[in-house]
N, C-alpha and C. Protein backbone atom coordinates (compact mmCIF):
# COMPACT_ATOMS: atom_id res chain seq x y z
N MET A 1 138.37 81.36 23.22
CA MET A 1 137.40 80.32 23.52
C MET A 1 138.13 78.97 23.62
N SER A 2 137.88 78.26 24.70
CA SER A 2 138.53 76.96 24.90
C SER A 2 137.96 75.92 23.95
N LYS A 3 138.85 75.05 23.44
CA LYS A 3 138.44 74.02 22.48
C LYS A 3 138.50 72.65 23.12
N VAL A 4 137.42 71.89 22.94
CA VAL A 4 137.34 70.54 23.50
C VAL A 4 137.19 69.54 22.37
N LEU A 5 138.10 68.57 22.33
CA LEU A 5 138.02 67.50 21.34
C LEU A 5 137.39 66.26 21.99
N ILE A 6 136.35 65.75 21.34
CA ILE A 6 135.66 64.54 21.83
C ILE A 6 136.10 63.38 20.93
N ILE A 7 136.63 62.32 21.54
CA ILE A 7 137.04 61.15 20.77
C ILE A 7 136.20 59.96 21.22
N ASP A 8 135.23 59.59 20.39
CA ASP A 8 134.32 58.49 20.73
C ASP A 8 133.75 57.95 19.43
N ASP A 9 133.67 56.63 19.29
CA ASP A 9 133.15 56.06 18.04
C ASP A 9 131.63 56.06 17.99
N ASP A 10 130.98 56.44 19.10
CA ASP A 10 129.52 56.52 19.16
C ASP A 10 129.11 57.95 18.77
N LYS A 11 128.53 58.09 17.56
CA LYS A 11 128.16 59.43 17.06
C LYS A 11 127.15 60.13 17.98
N GLY A 12 126.23 59.33 18.53
CA GLY A 12 125.23 59.90 19.44
C GLY A 12 125.89 60.49 20.68
N MET A 13 126.92 59.79 21.21
CA MET A 13 127.65 60.27 22.39
C MET A 13 128.40 61.56 22.03
N CYS A 14 129.01 61.58 20.84
CA CYS A 14 129.72 62.79 20.39
C CYS A 14 128.77 63.98 20.32
N GLN A 15 127.55 63.74 19.78
CA GLN A 15 126.56 64.81 19.64
C GLN A 15 126.13 65.33 21.02
N LEU A 16 125.85 64.40 21.93
CA LEU A 16 125.43 64.76 23.28
C LEU A 16 126.50 65.61 23.97
N LEU A 17 127.76 65.12 23.90
CA LEU A 17 128.86 65.86 24.55
C LEU A 17 129.08 67.22 23.88
N SER A 18 128.98 67.27 22.54
CA SER A 18 129.12 68.54 21.83
C SER A 18 128.09 69.55 22.32
N ASP A 19 126.84 69.10 22.43
CA ASP A 19 125.76 69.99 22.89
C ASP A 19 126.05 70.55 24.28
N ILE A 20 126.51 69.67 25.18
CA ILE A 20 126.82 70.10 26.56
C ILE A 20 127.95 71.14 26.53
N ILE A 21 128.99 70.84 25.77
CA ILE A 21 130.19 71.70 25.72
C ILE A 21 129.86 73.06 25.10
N ILE A 22 129.12 73.05 23.98
CA ILE A 22 128.76 74.30 23.31
C ILE A 22 127.86 75.15 24.21
N SER A 23 126.95 74.50 24.95
CA SER A 23 126.05 75.25 25.83
C SER A 23 126.82 75.97 26.96
N GLU A 24 128.05 75.50 27.24
CA GLU A 24 128.89 76.14 28.26
C GLU A 24 129.80 77.22 27.66
N GLY A 25 129.66 77.43 26.34
CA GLY A 25 130.44 78.49 25.71
C GLY A 25 131.80 78.04 25.20
N PHE A 26 132.02 76.73 25.12
CA PHE A 26 133.29 76.22 24.59
C PHE A 26 133.07 75.78 23.14
N LYS A 27 134.17 75.60 22.44
CA LYS A 27 134.10 75.09 21.07
C LYS A 27 134.30 73.58 21.13
N ALA A 28 133.46 72.83 20.40
CA ALA A 28 133.57 71.36 20.42
C ALA A 28 133.80 70.82 19.02
N PHE A 29 134.66 69.83 18.91
CA PHE A 29 134.81 69.09 17.67
C PHE A 29 135.11 67.66 18.04
N ASP A 30 134.90 66.72 17.09
CA ASP A 30 135.03 65.32 17.47
C ASP A 30 135.76 64.48 16.45
N ALA A 31 136.14 63.29 16.88
CA ALA A 31 136.80 62.29 16.04
C ALA A 31 136.27 60.93 16.46
N GLN A 32 136.07 60.03 15.48
CA GLN A 32 135.49 58.72 15.80
C GLN A 32 136.53 57.62 16.00
N ASP A 33 137.79 57.89 15.68
CA ASP A 33 138.82 56.87 15.90
C ASP A 33 140.16 57.53 16.22
N GLY A 34 141.12 56.71 16.61
CA GLY A 34 142.42 57.21 17.06
C GLY A 34 143.20 57.97 16.02
N ILE A 35 143.22 57.46 14.78
CA ILE A 35 143.98 58.11 13.71
C ILE A 35 143.44 59.51 13.46
N MET A 36 142.11 59.60 13.34
CA MET A 36 141.45 60.89 13.12
C MET A 36 141.71 61.83 14.31
N ALA A 37 141.65 61.25 15.50
CA ALA A 37 141.86 62.03 16.73
C ALA A 37 143.24 62.68 16.76
N LEU A 38 144.27 61.92 16.42
CA LEU A 38 145.63 62.45 16.46
C LEU A 38 145.82 63.55 15.42
N LYS A 39 145.14 63.40 14.28
CA LYS A 39 145.18 64.45 13.26
C LYS A 39 144.54 65.73 13.80
N GLU A 40 143.40 65.57 14.49
CA GLU A 40 142.70 66.73 15.08
C GLU A 40 143.56 67.42 16.14
N VAL A 41 144.27 66.62 16.95
CA VAL A 41 145.12 67.19 18.00
C VAL A 41 146.21 68.06 17.36
N ARG A 42 146.79 67.55 16.27
CA ARG A 42 147.86 68.31 15.59
C ARG A 42 147.31 69.54 14.88
N THR A 43 146.12 69.42 14.30
CA THR A 43 145.55 70.52 13.51
C THR A 43 144.92 71.60 14.37
N HIS A 44 144.12 71.22 15.33
CA HIS A 44 143.33 72.19 16.10
C HIS A 44 143.87 72.52 17.48
N THR A 45 144.91 71.84 17.93
CA THR A 45 145.46 72.04 19.28
C THR A 45 144.37 72.34 20.32
N PRO A 46 143.60 71.31 20.68
CA PRO A 46 142.54 71.52 21.68
C PRO A 46 143.12 71.80 23.06
N ASP A 47 142.28 72.34 23.95
CA ASP A 47 142.70 72.61 25.33
C ASP A 47 142.42 71.40 26.21
N VAL A 48 141.33 70.70 25.87
CA VAL A 48 140.92 69.52 26.64
C VAL A 48 140.48 68.43 25.66
N VAL A 49 140.77 67.18 26.00
CA VAL A 49 140.32 66.05 25.19
C VAL A 49 139.46 65.13 26.06
N LEU A 50 138.30 64.75 25.54
CA LEU A 50 137.47 63.73 26.17
C LEU A 50 137.70 62.47 25.34
N LEU A 51 138.27 61.45 25.94
CA LEU A 51 138.72 60.28 25.19
C LEU A 51 138.09 59.00 25.73
N ASP A 52 137.35 58.31 24.85
CA ASP A 52 136.73 57.03 25.23
C ASP A 52 137.81 55.94 25.27
N ILE A 53 137.78 55.10 26.29
CA ILE A 53 138.77 54.03 26.41
C ILE A 53 138.58 52.99 25.30
N LYS A 54 137.31 52.67 25.00
CA LYS A 54 137.04 51.64 23.98
C LYS A 54 136.86 52.29 22.62
N LEU A 55 137.84 52.12 21.76
CA LEU A 55 137.77 52.67 20.40
C LEU A 55 138.13 51.57 19.41
N PRO A 56 137.60 51.64 18.18
CA PRO A 56 137.99 50.64 17.18
C PRO A 56 139.43 50.88 16.73
N GLY A 57 140.14 49.83 16.41
CA GLY A 57 141.53 49.99 15.96
C GLY A 57 142.44 50.34 17.11
N MET A 58 142.89 51.57 17.15
CA MET A 58 143.78 52.03 18.22
C MET A 58 142.92 52.33 19.46
N ASP A 59 143.15 51.63 20.58
CA ASP A 59 142.31 51.86 21.76
C ASP A 59 142.70 53.17 22.47
N GLY A 60 141.82 53.58 23.40
CA GLY A 60 142.00 54.85 24.10
C GLY A 60 143.33 55.00 24.81
N MET A 61 143.85 53.90 25.35
CA MET A 61 145.14 53.98 26.06
C MET A 61 146.27 54.34 25.10
N LYS A 62 146.24 53.72 23.92
CA LYS A 62 147.27 54.00 22.91
C LYS A 62 147.13 55.44 22.42
N VAL A 63 145.88 55.88 22.23
CA VAL A 63 145.63 57.26 21.78
C VAL A 63 146.16 58.24 22.84
N LEU A 64 145.89 57.95 24.11
CA LEU A 64 146.38 58.79 25.21
C LEU A 64 147.91 58.92 25.13
N GLU A 65 148.56 57.77 24.96
CA GLU A 65 150.03 57.74 24.88
C GLU A 65 150.52 58.62 23.72
N GLU A 66 149.87 58.50 22.57
CA GLU A 66 150.26 59.28 21.39
C GLU A 66 150.01 60.78 21.60
N ILE A 67 148.85 61.11 22.21
CA ILE A 67 148.53 62.52 22.48
C ILE A 67 149.60 63.12 23.37
N LYS A 68 149.99 62.39 24.42
CA LYS A 68 150.99 62.90 25.36
C LYS A 68 152.35 63.09 24.68
N SER A 69 152.63 62.28 23.65
CA SER A 69 153.89 62.46 22.95
C SER A 69 153.84 63.67 22.02
N ILE A 70 152.63 64.07 21.59
CA ILE A 70 152.47 65.27 20.76
C ILE A 70 152.51 66.51 21.65
N ASP A 71 151.74 66.50 22.75
CA ASP A 71 151.66 67.66 23.65
C ASP A 71 151.44 67.14 25.07
N GLU A 72 152.52 67.12 25.83
CA GLU A 72 152.43 66.55 27.18
C GLU A 72 151.51 67.33 28.09
N SER A 73 151.34 68.65 27.80
CA SER A 73 150.51 69.48 28.69
C SER A 73 149.02 69.38 28.37
N LEU A 74 148.68 68.69 27.28
CA LEU A 74 147.27 68.58 26.90
C LEU A 74 146.51 67.77 27.95
N VAL A 75 145.37 68.33 28.37
CA VAL A 75 144.59 67.70 29.43
C VAL A 75 143.61 66.70 28.82
N VAL A 76 143.74 65.43 29.24
CA VAL A 76 142.90 64.37 28.69
C VAL A 76 142.02 63.79 29.80
N ILE A 77 140.71 63.75 29.52
CA ILE A 77 139.74 63.15 30.45
C ILE A 77 139.23 61.87 29.78
N MET A 78 139.35 60.76 30.47
CA MET A 78 138.93 59.48 29.91
C MET A 78 137.44 59.25 30.14
N LEU A 79 136.77 58.69 29.13
CA LEU A 79 135.36 58.28 29.25
C LEU A 79 135.36 56.76 29.33
N THR A 80 134.66 56.24 30.31
CA THR A 80 134.73 54.80 30.51
C THR A 80 133.38 54.22 30.94
N GLY A 81 133.14 52.96 30.54
CA GLY A 81 131.97 52.24 31.02
C GLY A 81 132.28 51.71 32.42
N TYR A 82 131.28 51.27 33.14
CA TYR A 82 131.50 50.80 34.52
C TYR A 82 132.55 49.71 34.62
N GLY A 83 132.62 48.84 33.60
CA GLY A 83 133.56 47.73 33.67
C GLY A 83 135.01 48.12 33.43
N ASP A 84 135.24 49.37 33.02
CA ASP A 84 136.60 49.77 32.63
C ASP A 84 137.33 50.56 33.72
N ILE A 85 136.83 50.55 34.94
CA ILE A 85 137.42 51.39 35.99
C ILE A 85 138.91 51.11 36.18
N LYS A 86 139.27 49.82 36.16
CA LYS A 86 140.68 49.47 36.35
C LYS A 86 141.54 50.11 35.25
N ASP A 87 141.01 50.06 34.01
CA ASP A 87 141.71 50.68 32.88
C ASP A 87 141.79 52.19 33.08
N ALA A 88 140.69 52.78 33.56
CA ALA A 88 140.66 54.23 33.76
C ALA A 88 141.71 54.65 34.77
N VAL A 89 141.85 53.89 35.84
CA VAL A 89 142.85 54.20 36.87
C VAL A 89 144.25 54.11 36.26
N LYS A 90 144.44 53.11 35.39
CA LYS A 90 145.73 52.94 34.73
C LYS A 90 146.05 54.16 33.85
N THR A 91 145.01 54.71 33.20
CA THR A 91 145.23 55.87 32.33
C THR A 91 145.66 57.10 33.15
N ILE A 92 145.21 57.19 34.39
CA ILE A 92 145.62 58.31 35.25
C ILE A 92 147.14 58.21 35.46
N LYS A 93 147.61 56.99 35.70
CA LYS A 93 149.06 56.79 35.88
C LYS A 93 149.82 57.14 34.59
N MET A 94 149.13 57.01 33.44
CA MET A 94 149.75 57.33 32.15
C MET A 94 149.66 58.81 31.81
N GLY A 95 149.03 59.59 32.68
CA GLY A 95 148.98 61.03 32.43
C GLY A 95 147.62 61.63 32.17
N ALA A 96 146.54 60.79 32.20
CA ALA A 96 145.20 61.36 32.03
C ALA A 96 144.88 62.23 33.24
N PHE A 97 144.08 63.27 33.03
CA PHE A 97 143.74 64.20 34.11
C PHE A 97 142.71 63.59 35.05
N ASP A 98 141.72 62.91 34.46
CA ASP A 98 140.63 62.35 35.26
C ASP A 98 139.87 61.37 34.38
N TYR A 99 138.87 60.71 34.95
CA TYR A 99 138.01 59.87 34.14
C TYR A 99 136.59 60.03 34.62
N ILE A 100 135.67 59.77 33.73
CA ILE A 100 134.26 59.85 34.09
C ILE A 100 133.56 58.61 33.55
N THR A 101 132.68 58.03 34.35
CA THR A 101 132.01 56.80 33.92
C THR A 101 130.70 57.12 33.20
N LYS A 102 130.40 56.32 32.19
CA LYS A 102 129.13 56.43 31.47
C LYS A 102 128.15 55.46 32.12
N PRO A 103 126.88 55.76 32.20
CA PRO A 103 126.29 57.07 31.89
C PRO A 103 126.69 58.11 32.94
N PHE A 104 126.70 59.38 32.55
CA PHE A 104 127.16 60.43 33.45
C PHE A 104 126.12 61.54 33.57
N GLU A 105 126.29 62.37 34.58
CA GLU A 105 125.46 63.56 34.73
C GLU A 105 126.13 64.68 33.94
N ASN A 106 125.33 65.47 33.21
CA ASN A 106 125.89 66.57 32.42
C ASN A 106 126.74 67.52 33.28
N ASP A 107 126.22 67.80 34.49
CA ASP A 107 126.94 68.73 35.38
C ASP A 107 128.33 68.19 35.75
N ASP A 108 128.44 66.87 35.88
CA ASP A 108 129.74 66.28 36.23
C ASP A 108 130.75 66.51 35.12
N ILE A 109 130.31 66.30 33.87
CA ILE A 109 131.20 66.51 32.72
C ILE A 109 131.66 67.98 32.69
N VAL A 110 130.70 68.89 32.86
CA VAL A 110 131.02 70.33 32.82
C VAL A 110 132.03 70.68 33.91
N GLU A 111 131.80 70.18 35.10
CA GLU A 111 132.70 70.48 36.22
C GLU A 111 134.12 69.95 35.96
N ILE A 112 134.21 68.73 35.45
CA ILE A 112 135.54 68.15 35.18
C ILE A 112 136.24 68.94 34.07
N ILE A 113 135.50 69.34 33.04
CA ILE A 113 136.12 70.14 31.95
C ILE A 113 136.64 71.46 32.51
N LYS A 114 135.83 72.12 33.35
CA LYS A 114 136.26 73.40 33.92
C LYS A 114 137.50 73.22 34.80
N ASN A 115 137.52 72.15 35.59
CA ASN A 115 138.69 71.86 36.43
C ASN A 115 139.92 71.61 35.55
N ALA A 116 139.70 70.88 34.46
CA ALA A 116 140.80 70.55 33.55
C ALA A 116 141.37 71.82 32.90
N LEU A 117 140.47 72.72 32.48
CA LEU A 117 140.92 73.98 31.87
C LEU A 117 141.70 74.81 32.88
N HIS A 118 141.22 74.82 34.11
CA HIS A 118 141.90 75.56 35.18
C HIS A 118 143.30 74.97 35.41
N ALA A 119 143.37 73.65 35.45
CA ALA A 119 144.66 72.98 35.66
C ALA A 119 145.62 73.29 34.51
N ARG A 120 145.09 73.28 33.28
CA ARG A 120 145.94 73.58 32.11
C ARG A 120 146.49 75.00 32.21
N GLN A 121 145.63 75.94 32.63
CA GLN A 121 146.04 77.34 32.78
C GLN A 121 147.19 77.43 33.79
N GLN A 122 147.04 76.71 34.91
CA GLN A 122 148.06 76.74 35.97
C GLN A 122 149.38 76.15 35.50
N ASN A 123 149.30 75.16 34.61
CA ASN A 123 150.51 74.44 34.21
C ASN A 123 151.14 74.94 32.91
N LYS A 124 150.63 76.06 32.39
CA LYS A 124 151.23 76.57 31.15
C LYS A 124 152.69 76.86 31.40
N PRO A 125 153.57 76.45 30.48
CA PRO A 125 155.00 76.63 30.69
C PRO A 125 155.38 78.06 30.99
N GLY A 126 154.75 79.01 30.30
CA GLY A 126 155.13 80.41 30.47
C GLY A 126 154.78 81.00 31.82
N ALA A 127 153.89 80.34 32.55
CA ALA A 127 153.49 80.88 33.85
C ALA A 127 154.70 81.04 34.76
N SER A 128 155.79 80.34 34.42
CA SER A 128 156.96 80.39 35.29
C SER A 128 158.00 81.43 34.85
N LEU A 129 157.65 82.32 33.90
CA LEU A 129 158.60 83.37 33.52
C LEU A 129 158.75 84.36 34.67
N SER A 130 159.99 84.73 34.95
CA SER A 130 160.24 85.73 36.01
C SER A 130 159.87 87.11 35.48
N LEU A 131 159.78 88.08 36.39
CA LEU A 131 159.46 89.46 35.98
C LEU A 131 160.51 89.98 35.00
N ARG A 132 161.78 89.70 35.27
CA ARG A 132 162.86 90.15 34.38
C ARG A 132 162.72 89.50 32.99
N GLU A 133 162.36 88.20 32.97
CA GLU A 133 162.18 87.51 31.69
C GLU A 133 161.01 88.11 30.91
N LYS A 134 159.94 88.48 31.62
CA LYS A 134 158.80 89.12 30.95
C LYS A 134 159.22 90.48 30.38
N GLU A 135 160.05 91.17 31.13
CA GLU A 135 160.57 92.47 30.67
C GLU A 135 161.39 92.27 29.39
N VAL A 136 162.27 91.27 29.41
CA VAL A 136 163.14 90.98 28.26
C VAL A 136 162.29 90.61 27.03
N ILE A 137 161.28 89.76 27.22
CA ILE A 137 160.47 89.33 26.07
C ILE A 137 159.68 90.50 25.51
N ASN A 138 159.27 91.43 26.38
CA ASN A 138 158.57 92.62 25.91
C ASN A 138 159.48 93.48 25.04
N TRP A 139 160.75 93.64 25.44
CA TRP A 139 161.70 94.40 24.62
C TRP A 139 162.01 93.66 23.33
N LEU A 140 162.06 92.33 23.39
CA LEU A 140 162.27 91.54 22.16
C LEU A 140 161.13 91.82 21.18
N LYS A 141 159.91 91.85 21.72
CA LYS A 141 158.73 92.09 20.88
C LYS A 141 158.84 93.46 20.19
N LYS A 142 159.47 94.42 20.89
CA LYS A 142 159.62 95.76 20.31
C LYS A 142 160.80 95.84 19.35
N GLY A 143 161.41 94.67 19.10
CA GLY A 143 162.48 94.62 18.10
C GLY A 143 163.86 94.99 18.61
N LYS A 144 164.04 95.01 19.92
CA LYS A 144 165.34 95.39 20.49
C LYS A 144 166.31 94.21 20.45
N SER A 145 167.57 94.51 20.17
CA SER A 145 168.62 93.48 20.17
C SER A 145 169.13 93.29 21.60
N SER A 146 169.94 92.27 21.79
CA SER A 146 170.54 92.04 23.12
C SER A 146 171.36 93.25 23.54
N ALA A 147 172.08 93.85 22.59
CA ALA A 147 172.90 95.04 22.90
C ALA A 147 172.01 96.20 23.35
N ASP A 148 170.89 96.44 22.63
CA ASP A 148 169.96 97.50 23.01
C ASP A 148 169.44 97.27 24.43
N MET A 149 169.02 96.00 24.68
CA MET A 149 168.43 95.68 26.00
C MET A 149 169.44 95.83 27.12
N SER A 150 170.70 95.53 26.85
CA SER A 150 171.71 95.66 27.92
C SER A 150 171.82 97.11 28.36
N ILE A 151 171.65 98.05 27.42
CA ILE A 151 171.69 99.48 27.76
C ILE A 151 170.41 99.88 28.49
N ILE A 152 169.27 99.50 27.91
CA ILE A 152 167.96 99.86 28.50
C ILE A 152 167.83 99.31 29.93
N LEU A 153 168.17 98.02 30.11
CA LEU A 153 167.97 97.36 31.40
C LEU A 153 169.17 97.50 32.34
N GLU A 154 170.24 98.10 31.82
CA GLU A 154 171.47 98.31 32.60
C GLU A 154 172.03 97.00 33.15
N ILE A 155 172.08 95.99 32.27
CA ILE A 155 172.70 94.71 32.62
C ILE A 155 173.60 94.33 31.44
N SER A 156 174.50 93.40 31.63
CA SER A 156 175.42 93.03 30.54
C SER A 156 174.67 92.31 29.43
N GLU A 157 175.24 92.39 28.24
CA GLU A 157 174.64 91.71 27.08
C GLU A 157 174.60 90.19 27.34
N ARG A 158 175.60 89.72 28.04
CA ARG A 158 175.66 88.29 28.38
C ARG A 158 174.46 87.89 29.26
N THR A 159 174.13 88.76 30.22
CA THR A 159 172.98 88.50 31.11
C THR A 159 171.68 88.53 30.31
N VAL A 160 171.59 89.47 29.36
CA VAL A 160 170.40 89.54 28.49
C VAL A 160 170.25 88.21 27.74
N ASN A 161 171.34 87.74 27.15
CA ASN A 161 171.30 86.49 26.40
C ASN A 161 170.95 85.30 27.29
N TYR A 162 171.41 85.35 28.54
CA TYR A 162 171.07 84.31 29.51
C TYR A 162 169.55 84.28 29.71
N HIS A 163 168.95 85.48 29.88
CA HIS A 163 167.49 85.56 30.06
C HIS A 163 166.76 85.09 28.81
N VAL A 164 167.26 85.48 27.63
CA VAL A 164 166.62 85.07 26.37
C VAL A 164 166.64 83.54 26.26
N ASN A 165 167.79 82.94 26.57
CA ASN A 165 167.90 81.47 26.52
C ASN A 165 166.94 80.81 27.48
N ASN A 166 166.81 81.37 28.70
CA ASN A 166 165.86 80.83 29.69
C ASN A 166 164.43 80.90 29.16
N ILE A 167 164.08 82.04 28.58
CA ILE A 167 162.73 82.24 28.04
C ILE A 167 162.45 81.18 26.96
N MET A 168 163.40 81.04 26.04
CA MET A 168 163.21 80.09 24.94
C MET A 168 163.07 78.66 25.47
N HIS A 169 163.85 78.33 26.49
CA HIS A 169 163.77 77.00 27.09
C HIS A 169 162.40 76.79 27.75
N LYS A 170 161.96 77.76 28.55
CA LYS A 170 160.68 77.63 29.27
C LYS A 170 159.48 77.56 28.33
N LEU A 171 159.57 78.28 27.20
CA LEU A 171 158.44 78.30 26.26
C LEU A 171 158.57 77.24 25.17
N ASN A 172 159.66 76.47 25.20
CA ASN A 172 159.93 75.49 24.12
C ASN A 172 159.98 76.18 22.77
N ALA A 173 160.60 77.35 22.71
CA ALA A 173 160.68 78.12 21.46
C ALA A 173 161.93 77.75 20.69
N VAL A 174 161.84 77.81 19.36
CA VAL A 174 163.00 77.48 18.52
C VAL A 174 163.75 78.74 18.06
N SER A 175 163.11 79.91 18.22
CA SER A 175 163.77 81.16 17.85
C SER A 175 163.20 82.28 18.71
N ARG A 176 163.83 83.45 18.64
CA ARG A 176 163.32 84.61 19.40
C ARG A 176 161.91 84.97 18.93
N THR A 177 161.70 84.95 17.61
CA THR A 177 160.38 85.29 17.06
C THR A 177 159.33 84.29 17.53
N HIS A 178 159.70 83.01 17.56
CA HIS A 178 158.79 81.96 18.03
C HIS A 178 158.46 82.20 19.50
N ALA A 179 159.47 82.58 20.30
CA ALA A 179 159.25 82.85 21.73
C ALA A 179 158.25 83.99 21.91
N ILE A 180 158.39 85.04 21.08
CA ILE A 180 157.47 86.18 21.18
C ILE A 180 156.05 85.73 20.87
N SER A 181 155.87 84.96 19.78
CA SER A 181 154.51 84.53 19.42
C SER A 181 153.92 83.61 20.48
N LEU A 182 154.74 82.73 21.08
CA LEU A 182 154.24 81.86 22.16
C LEU A 182 153.85 82.67 23.38
N ALA A 183 154.67 83.68 23.71
CA ALA A 183 154.39 84.52 24.89
C ALA A 183 153.08 85.28 24.70
N ILE A 184 152.83 85.76 23.46
CA ILE A 184 151.57 86.47 23.17
C ILE A 184 150.41 85.49 23.28
N GLU A 185 150.57 84.31 22.65
CA GLU A 185 149.54 83.28 22.64
C GLU A 185 149.14 82.87 24.06
N GLN A 186 150.14 82.81 24.95
CA GLN A 186 149.88 82.37 26.33
C GLN A 186 149.50 83.52 27.25
N GLY A 187 149.36 84.73 26.68
CA GLY A 187 148.93 85.88 27.48
C GLY A 187 150.00 86.41 28.41
N LEU A 188 151.25 86.09 28.15
CA LEU A 188 152.34 86.58 29.02
C LEU A 188 152.72 88.01 28.68
N ILE A 189 152.52 88.37 27.42
CA ILE A 189 152.72 89.76 26.99
C ILE A 189 151.56 90.09 26.07
N SER A 190 151.28 91.38 25.89
CA SER A 190 150.13 91.75 25.05
C SER A 190 150.51 91.59 23.58
N GLY A 191 149.51 91.38 22.77
CA GLY A 191 149.75 91.18 21.34
C GLY A 191 149.68 92.47 20.55
N ASP A 192 149.57 93.64 21.28
CA ASP A 192 149.48 94.92 20.57
C ASP A 192 150.73 95.17 19.74
N LYS A 193 150.53 95.84 18.63
CA LYS A 193 151.66 96.21 17.78
C LYS A 193 152.43 97.32 18.50
N PRO A 194 153.78 97.25 18.47
CA PRO A 194 154.54 98.32 19.11
C PRO A 194 154.29 99.65 18.41
N HIS A 195 154.21 100.74 19.18
CA HIS A 195 153.95 102.06 18.60
C HIS A 195 155.23 102.65 18.06
């Protein structure tokens, strides 16, 4: 289930957006300020963020910048009043996916969230694993060493290690085990236990 984080200091707006999001079958949670929002991003790793430009303390632009430094692939949709269009356009240049003006139509919010989720799916780092790399990560999951894989795949151990390094780089993994868990999480390999 996709998770949507709503960042807005207006509790009524958070409730309205939560209701819309939940009715579409997504999980919704919210934060009323930038500090709380960044904590939520780190704790819950949302798929999409709805971020109001006007926030107390740390404004939406600063929050956007911080979110992108935590997870550059996180899709952020800016919420803006009519007077903030120039700011909203600036946020797009800073990496926001889109912006929507308040007041808005519920259908517009839903459509933008669905587009954002689709874009996130397309841009997942693992989507770029080659067939050979997927084969290698599957053997890694089964507990095979580089030496085992070189025999199974009939390639040199050096080539196996080259593929493993590529996989770890593409998935931003810090270890082979981390790469396997990321590949399972991203649906690149199945999470079934090896028989």
